[in-house]
């Protein structure tokens, strides 16, 4: 099977994005450094490129429907979205290497998505979008608790993590919720390797 011009263009675009993310995104750099310090398999930039973009030589024998060249997001192919996806993959790889992650264990799957949404995904827009509606009959204390930034962040992480797990056909809402309950306390407070939460890609900051 011949590699097409489109395959080459996708690979080159992906390679450019990976290189840019590694050079410019502070949190990705920290994860890669942690991978190196723990002697985890995915540690060299070229291996990260091949892992994320595929390998043109290896693609020759694959039918087009099975090729792993994924040089851009299908819906959003902007660099910010690409870096976010790469960041998620690298964090997951770190968890696999350091924590003995097992995708057959429900609580391990829950832990991976909790950490990703807690550290990266629940930005201010997501927190506002998923904020629960306030009950007008609620007491002032209950209303104040519902508006507490930490409570709103936890609500965001919980909802997005459950939704993410339910994209896996083996998880219905009940099974995902039970796994979340088992993993929540430990994994929500596990902020390694940063020690703090990531704010957003625009300022590369930590909160």
N, C-alpha and C. Protein backbone atom coordinates (compact mmCIF):
# COMPACT_ATOMS: atom_id res chain seq x y z
N UNK A 1 0.86 -1.20 0.00
CA UNK A 1 0.00 0.00 0.00
C UNK A 1 0.89 1.24 0.00
N UNK A 2 0.67 2.09 -0.98
CA UNK A 2 1.50 3.28 -1.13
C UNK A 2 1.07 4.37 -0.16
N UNK A 3 2.05 5.03 0.44
CA UNK A 3 1.77 6.18 1.30
C UNK A 3 1.39 7.36 0.40
N UNK A 4 0.28 7.98 0.69
CA UNK A 4 -0.22 9.06 -0.17
C UNK A 4 0.38 10.41 0.23
N UNK A 5 0.19 11.39 -0.64
CA UNK A 5 0.64 12.76 -0.35
C UNK A 5 -0.09 13.29 0.90
N UNK A 6 -1.36 12.90 1.03
CA UNK A 6 -2.13 13.33 2.20
C UNK A 6 -1.51 12.76 3.49
N UNK A 7 -1.07 11.49 3.44
CA UNK A 7 -0.41 10.89 4.60
C UNK A 7 0.84 11.68 4.98
N UNK A 8 1.62 12.04 3.98
CA UNK A 8 2.86 12.78 4.23
C UNK A 8 2.57 14.16 4.82
N UNK A 9 1.56 14.83 4.28
CA UNK A 9 1.20 16.15 4.80
C UNK A 9 0.71 16.07 6.24
N UNK A 10 -0.10 15.05 6.54
CA UNK A 10 -0.58 14.86 7.90
C UNK A 10 0.59 14.60 8.85
N UNK A 11 1.51 13.75 8.42
CA UNK A 11 2.65 13.43 9.27
C UNK A 11 3.49 14.66 9.54
N UNK A 12 3.76 15.45 8.51
CA UNK A 12 4.59 16.64 8.68
C UNK A 12 3.90 17.66 9.59
N UNK A 13 2.59 17.81 9.43
CA UNK A 13 1.84 18.73 10.29
C UNK A 13 1.89 18.25 11.73
N UNK A 14 1.69 16.96 11.91
CA UNK A 14 1.74 16.38 13.25
C UNK A 14 3.12 16.55 13.87
N UNK A 15 4.17 16.27 13.09
CA UNK A 15 5.54 16.40 13.57
C UNK A 15 5.82 17.84 14.02
N UNK A 16 5.35 18.80 13.24
CA UNK A 16 5.52 20.22 13.59
C UNK A 16 4.81 20.55 14.89
N UNK A 17 3.58 20.03 15.04
CA UNK A 17 2.81 20.28 16.25
C UNK A 17 3.49 19.67 17.48
N UNK A 18 3.93 18.41 17.36
CA UNK A 18 4.58 17.75 18.49
C UNK A 18 5.82 18.53 18.92
N UNK A 19 6.64 18.91 17.95
CA UNK A 19 7.86 19.66 18.26
C UNK A 19 7.52 20.97 18.95
N UNK A 20 6.50 21.68 18.43
CA UNK A 20 6.09 22.94 19.04
C UNK A 20 5.57 22.75 20.45
N UNK A 21 4.76 21.71 20.67
CA UNK A 21 4.23 21.45 22.01
C UNK A 21 5.34 21.14 23.00
N UNK A 22 6.32 20.35 22.59
CA UNK A 22 7.43 19.99 23.46
C UNK A 22 8.27 21.22 23.83
N UNK A 23 8.41 22.14 22.88
CA UNK A 23 9.25 23.32 23.11
C UNK A 23 8.53 24.42 23.89
N UNK A 24 7.22 24.54 23.70
CA UNK A 24 6.51 25.72 24.19
C UNK A 24 5.60 25.47 25.38
N UNK A 25 5.13 24.24 25.57
CA UNK A 25 4.16 23.98 26.64
C UNK A 25 4.87 23.53 27.91
N UNK A 26 4.80 24.35 28.93
CA UNK A 26 5.53 24.10 30.18
C UNK A 26 5.15 22.76 30.81
N UNK A 27 3.86 22.46 30.83
CA UNK A 27 3.43 21.23 31.51
C UNK A 27 3.87 19.98 30.75
N UNK A 28 3.86 20.04 29.42
CA UNK A 28 4.33 18.89 28.65
C UNK A 28 5.81 18.65 28.93
N UNK A 29 6.57 19.75 29.01
CA UNK A 29 7.99 19.61 29.34
C UNK A 29 8.21 18.96 30.69
N UNK A 30 7.37 19.31 31.67
CA UNK A 30 7.48 18.72 33.00
C UNK A 30 7.16 17.23 32.99
N UNK A 31 6.13 16.85 32.22
CA UNK A 31 5.78 15.43 32.14
C UNK A 31 6.90 14.64 31.47
N UNK A 32 7.45 15.18 30.38
CA UNK A 32 8.55 14.50 29.68
C UNK A 32 9.75 14.34 30.60
N UNK A 33 10.06 15.38 31.38
CA UNK A 33 11.17 15.31 32.32
C UNK A 33 10.91 14.23 33.37
N UNK A 34 9.67 14.14 33.83
CA UNK A 34 9.31 13.11 34.81
C UNK A 34 9.43 11.72 34.20
N UNK A 35 9.03 11.58 32.95
CA UNK A 35 9.19 10.30 32.25
C UNK A 35 10.66 9.90 32.19
N UNK A 36 11.53 10.86 31.88
CA UNK A 36 12.96 10.58 31.82
C UNK A 36 13.50 10.19 33.19
N UNK A 37 13.10 10.93 34.22
CA UNK A 37 13.60 10.67 35.58
C UNK A 37 13.19 9.29 36.08
N UNK A 38 12.06 8.79 35.60
CA UNK A 38 11.57 7.49 36.04
C UNK A 38 11.90 6.37 35.04
N UNK A 39 12.73 6.71 34.07
CA UNK A 39 13.16 5.74 33.06
C UNK A 39 11.98 5.06 32.38
N UNK A 40 10.97 5.84 32.09
CA UNK A 40 9.80 5.32 31.41
C UNK A 40 10.08 5.23 29.91
N UNK A 41 9.44 4.30 29.22
CA UNK A 41 9.79 4.02 27.82
C UNK A 41 9.69 5.22 26.89
N UNK A 42 8.65 6.04 27.01
CA UNK A 42 8.45 7.13 26.07
C UNK A 42 9.14 8.38 26.59
N UNK A 43 10.38 8.61 26.16
CA UNK A 43 11.13 9.73 26.72
C UNK A 43 11.87 10.57 25.68
N UNK A 44 12.10 10.02 24.49
CA UNK A 44 12.82 10.77 23.47
C UNK A 44 11.82 11.47 22.54
N UNK A 45 12.11 12.71 22.15
CA UNK A 45 11.19 13.45 21.27
C UNK A 45 10.79 12.68 20.02
N UNK A 46 11.76 11.98 19.39
CA UNK A 46 11.45 11.25 18.17
C UNK A 46 10.47 10.11 18.43
N UNK A 47 10.59 9.48 19.62
CA UNK A 47 9.65 8.42 19.97
C UNK A 47 8.26 8.99 20.23
N UNK A 48 8.22 10.19 20.81
CA UNK A 48 6.93 10.84 21.04
C UNK A 48 6.27 11.18 19.70
N UNK A 49 7.07 11.67 18.75
CA UNK A 49 6.54 11.99 17.43
C UNK A 49 5.96 10.73 16.78
N UNK A 50 6.70 9.63 16.81
CA UNK A 50 6.22 8.39 16.19
C UNK A 50 5.00 7.85 16.93
N UNK A 51 5.00 7.98 18.26
CA UNK A 51 3.86 7.49 19.02
C UNK A 51 2.59 8.27 18.74
N UNK A 52 2.73 9.57 18.50
CA UNK A 52 1.57 10.44 18.27
C UNK A 52 1.19 10.53 16.80
N UNK A 53 2.18 10.45 15.94
CA UNK A 53 1.93 10.71 14.52
C UNK A 53 1.97 9.46 13.65
N UNK A 54 2.52 8.38 14.17
CA UNK A 54 2.71 7.20 13.34
C UNK A 54 4.09 7.21 12.69
N UNK A 55 4.35 6.23 11.87
CA UNK A 55 5.63 6.11 11.18
C UNK A 55 5.34 5.82 9.71
N UNK A 56 5.77 6.74 8.85
CA UNK A 56 5.43 6.61 7.44
C UNK A 56 5.88 5.28 6.84
N UNK A 57 7.02 4.80 7.22
CA UNK A 57 7.53 3.54 6.67
C UNK A 57 6.64 2.36 7.08
N UNK A 58 6.18 2.39 8.33
CA UNK A 58 5.35 1.30 8.82
C UNK A 58 3.93 1.35 8.24
N UNK A 59 3.53 2.50 7.76
CA UNK A 59 2.15 2.64 7.27
C UNK A 59 1.94 2.02 5.89
N UNK A 60 3.02 1.71 5.18
CA UNK A 60 2.89 1.20 3.82
C UNK A 60 2.08 -0.08 3.76
N UNK A 61 2.20 -0.92 4.78
CA UNK A 61 1.53 -2.22 4.76
C UNK A 61 0.12 -2.18 5.33
N UNK A 62 -0.32 -1.01 5.81
CA UNK A 62 -1.65 -0.91 6.42
C UNK A 62 -2.67 -0.38 5.41
N UNK A 63 -3.89 -0.91 5.43
CA UNK A 63 -4.95 -0.29 4.61
C UNK A 63 -5.27 1.08 5.17
N UNK A 64 -5.77 2.00 4.33
CA UNK A 64 -6.03 3.38 4.78
C UNK A 64 -6.88 3.48 6.03
N UNK A 65 -7.85 2.58 6.19
CA UNK A 65 -8.75 2.66 7.35
C UNK A 65 -8.05 2.35 8.66
N UNK A 66 -6.87 1.72 8.60
CA UNK A 66 -6.17 1.32 9.82
C UNK A 66 -4.91 2.13 10.08
N UNK A 67 -4.64 3.13 9.28
CA UNK A 67 -3.41 3.90 9.47
C UNK A 67 -3.48 4.73 10.74
N UNK A 68 -2.35 4.85 11.40
CA UNK A 68 -2.33 5.54 12.69
C UNK A 68 -1.75 6.94 12.60
N UNK A 69 -1.58 7.44 11.39
CA UNK A 69 -1.12 8.82 11.25
C UNK A 69 -2.27 9.74 11.64
N UNK A 70 -2.11 10.44 12.73
CA UNK A 70 -3.18 11.30 13.24
C UNK A 70 -2.64 12.70 13.42
N UNK A 71 -2.29 13.32 12.32
CA UNK A 71 -1.59 14.60 12.36
C UNK A 71 -2.43 15.77 12.77
N UNK A 72 -3.73 15.60 12.94
CA UNK A 72 -4.54 16.72 13.39
C UNK A 72 -5.81 16.18 14.04
N UNK A 73 -6.42 16.98 14.88
CA UNK A 73 -7.70 16.60 15.46
C UNK A 73 -8.75 16.67 14.36
N UNK A 74 -9.67 15.72 14.32
CA UNK A 74 -10.66 15.69 13.26
C UNK A 74 -11.61 16.89 13.35
N UNK A 75 -11.95 17.30 14.57
CA UNK A 75 -12.87 18.42 14.73
C UNK A 75 -12.11 19.74 14.88
N UNK A 76 -11.14 19.73 15.78
CA UNK A 76 -10.35 20.95 16.02
C UNK A 76 -8.89 20.62 15.73
N UNK A 77 -8.34 21.16 14.69
CA UNK A 77 -6.95 20.84 14.38
C UNK A 77 -6.03 21.99 14.75
N UNK A 78 -6.46 22.83 15.68
CA UNK A 78 -5.60 23.90 16.13
C UNK A 78 -4.52 23.34 17.05
N UNK A 79 -3.42 24.05 17.14
CA UNK A 79 -2.30 23.58 17.93
C UNK A 79 -2.65 23.43 19.41
N UNK A 80 -3.47 24.35 19.93
CA UNK A 80 -3.85 24.28 21.34
C UNK A 80 -4.55 22.97 21.64
N UNK A 81 -5.49 22.56 20.78
CA UNK A 81 -6.22 21.31 20.97
C UNK A 81 -5.27 20.12 20.86
N UNK A 82 -4.34 20.21 19.91
CA UNK A 82 -3.37 19.13 19.72
C UNK A 82 -2.49 18.97 20.95
N UNK A 83 -1.98 20.08 21.49
CA UNK A 83 -1.13 20.02 22.68
C UNK A 83 -1.90 19.46 23.87
N UNK A 84 -3.18 19.82 23.96
CA UNK A 84 -3.99 19.28 25.05
C UNK A 84 -4.14 17.78 24.95
N UNK A 85 -4.33 17.28 23.75
CA UNK A 85 -4.44 15.84 23.53
C UNK A 85 -3.11 15.14 23.85
N UNK A 86 -2.01 15.73 23.40
CA UNK A 86 -0.69 15.15 23.67
C UNK A 86 -0.39 15.15 25.16
N UNK A 87 -0.74 16.22 25.84
CA UNK A 87 -0.53 16.33 27.28
C UNK A 87 -1.27 15.21 28.02
N UNK A 88 -2.50 14.97 27.60
CA UNK A 88 -3.31 13.91 28.21
C UNK A 88 -2.65 12.54 28.01
N UNK A 89 -2.17 12.28 26.79
CA UNK A 89 -1.54 10.99 26.49
C UNK A 89 -0.27 10.79 27.31
N UNK A 90 0.55 11.84 27.41
CA UNK A 90 1.80 11.72 28.15
C UNK A 90 1.55 11.52 29.65
N UNK A 91 0.55 12.22 30.20
CA UNK A 91 0.21 12.02 31.61
C UNK A 91 -0.27 10.59 31.84
N UNK A 92 -1.06 10.09 30.92
CA UNK A 92 -1.54 8.71 31.02
C UNK A 92 -0.36 7.74 30.96
N UNK A 93 0.59 8.01 30.05
CA UNK A 93 1.78 7.16 29.95
C UNK A 93 2.59 7.17 31.24
N UNK A 94 2.66 8.32 31.88
CA UNK A 94 3.38 8.42 33.15
C UNK A 94 2.68 7.59 34.22
N UNK A 95 1.36 7.66 34.26
CA UNK A 95 0.61 6.87 35.23
C UNK A 95 0.80 5.37 35.01
N UNK A 96 0.81 4.96 33.75
CA UNK A 96 1.04 3.55 33.42
C UNK A 96 2.40 3.10 33.91
N UNK A 97 3.40 3.95 33.68
CA UNK A 97 4.78 3.59 34.03
C UNK A 97 5.01 3.57 35.54
N UNK A 98 4.49 4.58 36.23
CA UNK A 98 4.80 4.74 37.65
C UNK A 98 3.84 4.01 38.58
N UNK A 99 2.60 3.88 38.18
CA UNK A 99 1.56 3.45 39.12
C UNK A 99 0.99 2.07 38.84
N UNK A 100 1.53 1.37 37.86
CA UNK A 100 1.02 0.04 37.57
C UNK A 100 -0.42 0.07 37.07
N UNK A 101 -0.74 1.06 36.26
CA UNK A 101 -2.09 1.21 35.71
C UNK A 101 -2.52 -0.05 34.98
N UNK A 102 -3.75 -0.47 35.21
CA UNK A 102 -4.32 -1.65 34.57
C UNK A 102 -5.68 -1.26 33.99
N UNK A 103 -5.81 -1.26 32.66
CA UNK A 103 -7.07 -0.82 32.05
C UNK A 103 -8.22 -1.79 32.25
N UNK A 104 -7.94 -2.94 32.89
CA UNK A 104 -9.00 -3.88 33.22
C UNK A 104 -9.57 -3.63 34.62
N UNK A 105 -8.94 -2.72 35.36
CA UNK A 105 -9.40 -2.38 36.70
C UNK A 105 -10.16 -1.06 36.66
N UNK A 106 -11.44 -1.10 37.03
CA UNK A 106 -12.30 0.08 36.89
C UNK A 106 -11.76 1.30 37.62
N UNK A 107 -11.27 1.10 38.84
CA UNK A 107 -10.79 2.24 39.62
C UNK A 107 -9.54 2.86 38.99
N UNK A 108 -8.74 2.07 38.27
CA UNK A 108 -7.56 2.60 37.59
C UNK A 108 -7.98 3.48 36.41
N UNK A 109 -8.99 3.03 35.68
CA UNK A 109 -9.50 3.82 34.56
C UNK A 109 -10.05 5.15 35.10
N UNK A 110 -10.81 5.07 36.18
CA UNK A 110 -11.37 6.28 36.80
C UNK A 110 -10.27 7.21 37.25
N UNK A 111 -9.22 6.67 37.84
CA UNK A 111 -8.12 7.49 38.35
C UNK A 111 -7.46 8.27 37.22
N UNK A 112 -7.26 7.62 36.08
CA UNK A 112 -6.60 8.28 34.95
C UNK A 112 -7.41 9.48 34.46
N UNK A 113 -8.73 9.32 34.34
CA UNK A 113 -9.52 10.44 33.83
C UNK A 113 -9.71 11.52 34.90
N UNK A 114 -9.78 11.13 36.16
CA UNK A 114 -9.87 12.12 37.24
C UNK A 114 -8.64 13.02 37.21
N UNK A 115 -7.46 12.41 37.13
CA UNK A 115 -6.22 13.19 37.14
C UNK A 115 -6.13 14.12 35.92
N UNK A 116 -6.54 13.64 34.77
CA UNK A 116 -6.46 14.46 33.56
C UNK A 116 -7.38 15.67 33.65
N UNK A 117 -8.64 15.44 34.02
CA UNK A 117 -9.57 16.57 34.10
C UNK A 117 -9.23 17.50 35.25
N UNK A 118 -8.75 16.96 36.35
CA UNK A 118 -8.39 17.80 37.50
C UNK A 118 -7.19 18.68 37.19
N UNK A 119 -6.19 18.13 36.56
CA UNK A 119 -4.95 18.87 36.30
C UNK A 119 -5.06 19.81 35.10
N UNK A 120 -5.85 19.43 34.08
CA UNK A 120 -5.81 20.17 32.82
C UNK A 120 -7.15 20.65 32.29
N UNK A 121 -8.16 19.81 32.34
CA UNK A 121 -9.32 20.01 31.49
C UNK A 121 -10.39 20.94 32.06
N UNK A 122 -10.53 21.03 33.38
CA UNK A 122 -11.60 21.84 33.94
C UNK A 122 -11.16 23.30 34.08
N UNK A 123 -11.15 24.00 32.96
CA UNK A 123 -10.82 25.42 33.00
C UNK A 123 -12.05 26.21 33.45
N UNK A 124 -11.93 27.52 33.54
CA UNK A 124 -13.02 28.34 34.07
C UNK A 124 -14.29 28.23 33.23
N UNK A 125 -14.15 28.13 31.91
CA UNK A 125 -15.33 28.01 31.06
C UNK A 125 -16.09 26.72 31.33
N UNK A 126 -15.34 25.62 31.48
CA UNK A 126 -15.98 24.34 31.75
C UNK A 126 -16.63 24.34 33.13
N UNK A 127 -15.96 24.92 34.10
CA UNK A 127 -16.52 25.00 35.45
C UNK A 127 -17.85 25.75 35.43
N UNK A 128 -17.91 26.87 34.72
CA UNK A 128 -19.15 27.65 34.64
C UNK A 128 -20.24 26.88 33.89
N UNK A 129 -19.85 26.22 32.82
CA UNK A 129 -20.83 25.50 32.01
C UNK A 129 -21.50 24.38 32.80
N UNK A 130 -20.72 23.72 33.64
CA UNK A 130 -21.23 22.55 34.38
C UNK A 130 -21.70 22.86 35.79
N UNK A 131 -21.65 24.13 36.16
CA UNK A 131 -22.07 24.50 37.52
C UNK A 131 -23.53 24.12 37.75
N UNK A 132 -23.84 23.52 38.89
CA UNK A 132 -25.23 23.13 39.17
C UNK A 132 -26.11 24.36 39.39
N UNK A 133 -27.38 24.24 39.03
CA UNK A 133 -28.32 25.32 39.27
C UNK A 133 -28.62 25.40 40.76
N UNK A 134 -28.71 26.64 41.27
CA UNK A 134 -28.95 26.83 42.69
C UNK A 134 -30.43 26.70 43.01
N UNK A 135 -30.70 26.00 44.07
CA UNK A 135 -32.07 25.86 44.55
C UNK A 135 -32.44 27.14 45.32
N UNK A 136 -33.50 27.81 44.87
CA UNK A 136 -33.89 29.06 45.51
C UNK A 136 -34.27 28.86 46.99
N UNK A 137 -34.68 27.64 47.33
CA UNK A 137 -35.08 27.37 48.71
C UNK A 137 -33.90 26.99 49.60
N UNK A 138 -32.72 26.87 49.01
CA UNK A 138 -31.54 26.46 49.78
C UNK A 138 -31.16 27.55 50.78
N UNK A 139 -30.57 27.11 51.88
CA UNK A 139 -30.13 28.06 52.90
C UNK A 139 -28.92 28.84 52.38
N UNK A 140 -28.60 29.94 53.06
CA UNK A 140 -27.43 30.74 52.66
C UNK A 140 -26.16 29.90 52.73
N UNK A 141 -26.09 29.05 53.73
CA UNK A 141 -24.91 28.20 53.88
C UNK A 141 -24.79 27.25 52.70
N UNK A 142 -25.90 26.66 52.30
CA UNK A 142 -25.89 25.74 51.15
C UNK A 142 -25.57 26.47 49.86
N UNK A 143 -26.10 27.68 49.71
CA UNK A 143 -25.81 28.46 48.51
C UNK A 143 -24.35 28.87 48.45
N UNK A 144 -23.80 29.26 49.60
CA UNK A 144 -22.38 29.63 49.64
C UNK A 144 -21.49 28.44 49.30
N UNK A 145 -21.87 27.27 49.81
CA UNK A 145 -21.09 26.05 49.52
C UNK A 145 -21.16 25.73 48.02
N UNK A 146 -22.34 25.91 47.43
CA UNK A 146 -22.51 25.60 46.01
C UNK A 146 -21.69 26.53 45.13
N UNK A 147 -21.40 27.75 45.63
CA UNK A 147 -20.62 28.72 44.85
C UNK A 147 -19.12 28.66 45.15
N UNK A 148 -18.74 27.82 46.09
CA UNK A 148 -17.33 27.71 46.47
C UNK A 148 -16.50 27.23 45.27
N UNK A 149 -15.43 27.93 44.91
CA UNK A 149 -14.64 27.57 43.73
C UNK A 149 -14.16 26.12 43.74
N UNK A 150 -13.76 25.63 44.91
CA UNK A 150 -13.27 24.25 44.98
C UNK A 150 -14.41 23.26 44.72
N UNK A 151 -15.58 23.54 45.27
CA UNK A 151 -16.73 22.67 45.03
C UNK A 151 -17.12 22.68 43.55
N UNK A 152 -17.07 23.84 42.93
CA UNK A 152 -17.40 23.94 41.51
C UNK A 152 -16.39 23.18 40.66
N UNK A 153 -15.12 23.27 41.04
CA UNK A 153 -14.08 22.54 40.30
C UNK A 153 -14.29 21.03 40.44
N UNK A 154 -14.57 20.57 41.65
CA UNK A 154 -14.81 19.15 41.88
C UNK A 154 -16.00 18.66 41.06
N UNK A 155 -17.05 19.47 41.03
CA UNK A 155 -18.24 19.13 40.25
C UNK A 155 -17.89 18.96 38.77
N UNK A 156 -17.06 19.87 38.26
CA UNK A 156 -16.64 19.81 36.86
C UNK A 156 -15.84 18.53 36.59
N UNK A 157 -14.86 18.26 37.44
CA UNK A 157 -14.02 17.06 37.26
C UNK A 157 -14.88 15.80 37.29
N UNK A 158 -15.77 15.73 38.25
CA UNK A 158 -16.61 14.54 38.41
C UNK A 158 -17.46 14.30 37.16
N UNK A 159 -18.16 15.35 36.71
CA UNK A 159 -19.06 15.19 35.57
C UNK A 159 -18.32 14.82 34.29
N UNK A 160 -17.21 15.50 34.02
CA UNK A 160 -16.47 15.22 32.79
C UNK A 160 -15.81 13.85 32.84
N UNK A 161 -15.33 13.44 34.01
CA UNK A 161 -14.70 12.13 34.14
C UNK A 161 -15.72 11.01 33.93
N UNK A 162 -16.91 11.15 34.50
CA UNK A 162 -17.95 10.14 34.31
C UNK A 162 -18.34 10.07 32.82
N UNK A 163 -18.51 11.24 32.19
CA UNK A 163 -18.85 11.26 30.76
C UNK A 163 -17.78 10.58 29.93
N UNK A 164 -16.52 10.84 30.29
CA UNK A 164 -15.40 10.23 29.56
C UNK A 164 -15.42 8.72 29.70
N UNK A 165 -15.64 8.23 30.91
CA UNK A 165 -15.66 6.78 31.13
C UNK A 165 -16.81 6.13 30.36
N UNK A 166 -17.94 6.82 30.26
CA UNK A 166 -19.10 6.24 29.59
C UNK A 166 -18.94 6.18 28.07
N UNK A 167 -17.90 6.82 27.55
CA UNK A 167 -17.59 6.67 26.13
C UNK A 167 -17.02 5.29 25.84
N UNK A 168 -16.51 4.64 26.90
CA UNK A 168 -16.05 3.26 26.81
C UNK A 168 -17.28 2.37 26.95
N UNK A 169 -17.49 1.50 25.99
CA UNK A 169 -18.73 0.71 25.95
C UNK A 169 -18.93 -0.19 27.16
N UNK A 170 -17.86 -0.48 27.92
CA UNK A 170 -18.04 -1.35 29.08
C UNK A 170 -18.58 -0.61 30.30
N UNK A 171 -18.63 0.72 30.23
CA UNK A 171 -19.10 1.50 31.37
C UNK A 171 -20.46 2.13 31.10
N UNK A 172 -21.45 1.76 31.94
CA UNK A 172 -22.67 2.54 31.99
C UNK A 172 -22.51 3.55 33.13
N UNK A 173 -23.52 4.37 33.37
CA UNK A 173 -23.38 5.43 34.37
C UNK A 173 -23.15 4.85 35.77
N UNK A 174 -23.86 3.77 36.10
CA UNK A 174 -23.72 3.18 37.44
C UNK A 174 -22.31 2.63 37.67
N UNK A 175 -21.79 1.91 36.68
CA UNK A 175 -20.44 1.34 36.84
C UNK A 175 -19.38 2.42 36.89
N UNK A 176 -19.54 3.45 36.05
CA UNK A 176 -18.58 4.56 36.06
C UNK A 176 -18.63 5.29 37.40
N UNK A 177 -19.82 5.52 37.92
CA UNK A 177 -19.97 6.23 39.19
C UNK A 177 -19.34 5.44 40.33
N UNK A 178 -19.57 4.14 40.35
CA UNK A 178 -18.99 3.30 41.41
C UNK A 178 -17.46 3.33 41.36
N UNK A 179 -16.90 3.29 40.14
CA UNK A 179 -15.44 3.35 39.99
C UNK A 179 -14.91 4.69 40.45
N UNK A 180 -15.63 5.75 40.13
CA UNK A 180 -15.23 7.10 40.55
C UNK A 180 -15.20 7.20 42.07
N UNK A 181 -16.19 6.64 42.73
CA UNK A 181 -16.24 6.69 44.19
C UNK A 181 -15.03 6.00 44.81
N UNK A 182 -14.62 4.88 44.22
CA UNK A 182 -13.46 4.15 44.74
C UNK A 182 -12.16 4.94 44.57
N UNK A 183 -12.04 5.64 43.44
CA UNK A 183 -10.77 6.29 43.11
C UNK A 183 -10.69 7.75 43.56
N UNK A 184 -11.80 8.36 43.85
CA UNK A 184 -11.87 9.81 43.96
C UNK A 184 -10.90 10.41 44.97
N UNK A 185 -10.98 10.03 46.22
CA UNK A 185 -10.21 10.70 47.28
C UNK A 185 -8.72 10.69 46.99
N UNK A 186 -8.19 9.56 46.61
CA UNK A 186 -6.75 9.48 46.36
C UNK A 186 -6.37 10.21 45.07
N UNK A 187 -7.11 9.96 43.99
CA UNK A 187 -6.69 10.44 42.68
C UNK A 187 -6.97 11.92 42.47
N UNK A 188 -8.02 12.43 43.07
CA UNK A 188 -8.30 13.86 42.95
C UNK A 188 -7.21 14.69 43.62
N UNK A 189 -6.65 14.19 44.69
CA UNK A 189 -5.62 14.94 45.42
C UNK A 189 -4.20 14.60 44.95
N UNK A 190 -4.09 13.74 43.96
CA UNK A 190 -2.78 13.39 43.41
C UNK A 190 -2.45 14.38 42.29
N UNK A 191 -1.62 15.36 42.59
CA UNK A 191 -1.28 16.41 41.62
C UNK A 191 0.11 16.22 41.01
N UNK A 192 0.69 15.05 41.18
CA UNK A 192 2.01 14.79 40.58
C UNK A 192 1.88 14.77 39.06
N UNK A 193 2.88 15.23 38.32
CA UNK A 193 4.21 15.66 38.78
C UNK A 193 4.32 17.17 39.01
N UNK A 194 3.19 17.90 39.00
CA UNK A 194 3.25 19.36 39.08
C UNK A 194 3.15 19.89 40.51
N UNK A 195 2.35 19.21 41.33
CA UNK A 195 2.11 19.71 42.68
C UNK A 195 1.00 20.73 42.72
N UNK A 196 0.59 21.24 41.55
CA UNK A 196 -0.47 22.23 41.43
C UNK A 196 -1.26 21.94 40.17
N UNK A 197 -2.41 22.59 40.05
CA UNK A 197 -3.24 22.40 38.86
C UNK A 197 -2.79 23.32 37.74
N UNK A 198 -2.97 22.82 36.55
CA UNK A 198 -2.69 23.59 35.34
C UNK A 198 -3.85 24.54 35.11
N UNK A 199 -3.56 25.80 34.72
CA UNK A 199 -4.64 26.77 34.50
C UNK A 199 -5.18 26.65 33.08
N UNK A 200 -4.43 27.10 32.10
CA UNK A 200 -4.84 26.92 30.71
C UNK A 200 -3.63 27.10 29.81
N UNK A 201 -3.83 26.78 28.53
CA UNK A 201 -2.71 26.77 27.59
C UNK A 201 -2.27 28.17 27.19
N UNK A 202 -3.06 29.20 27.49
CA UNK A 202 -2.69 30.53 27.04
C UNK A 202 -1.56 31.14 27.84
N UNK A 203 -1.48 30.77 29.15
CA UNK A 203 -0.40 31.38 29.95
C UNK A 203 0.57 30.34 30.49
N UNK A 204 0.33 29.06 30.15
CA UNK A 204 1.21 27.98 30.60
C UNK A 204 1.39 28.01 32.12
N UNK A 205 0.36 28.48 32.83
CA UNK A 205 0.52 28.69 34.27
C UNK A 205 0.07 27.51 35.10
N UNK A 206 0.36 27.60 36.37
CA UNK A 206 -0.11 26.61 37.34
C UNK A 206 -0.85 27.34 38.44
N UNK A 207 -1.93 26.72 38.92
CA UNK A 207 -2.70 27.35 39.99
C UNK A 207 -2.41 26.66 41.31
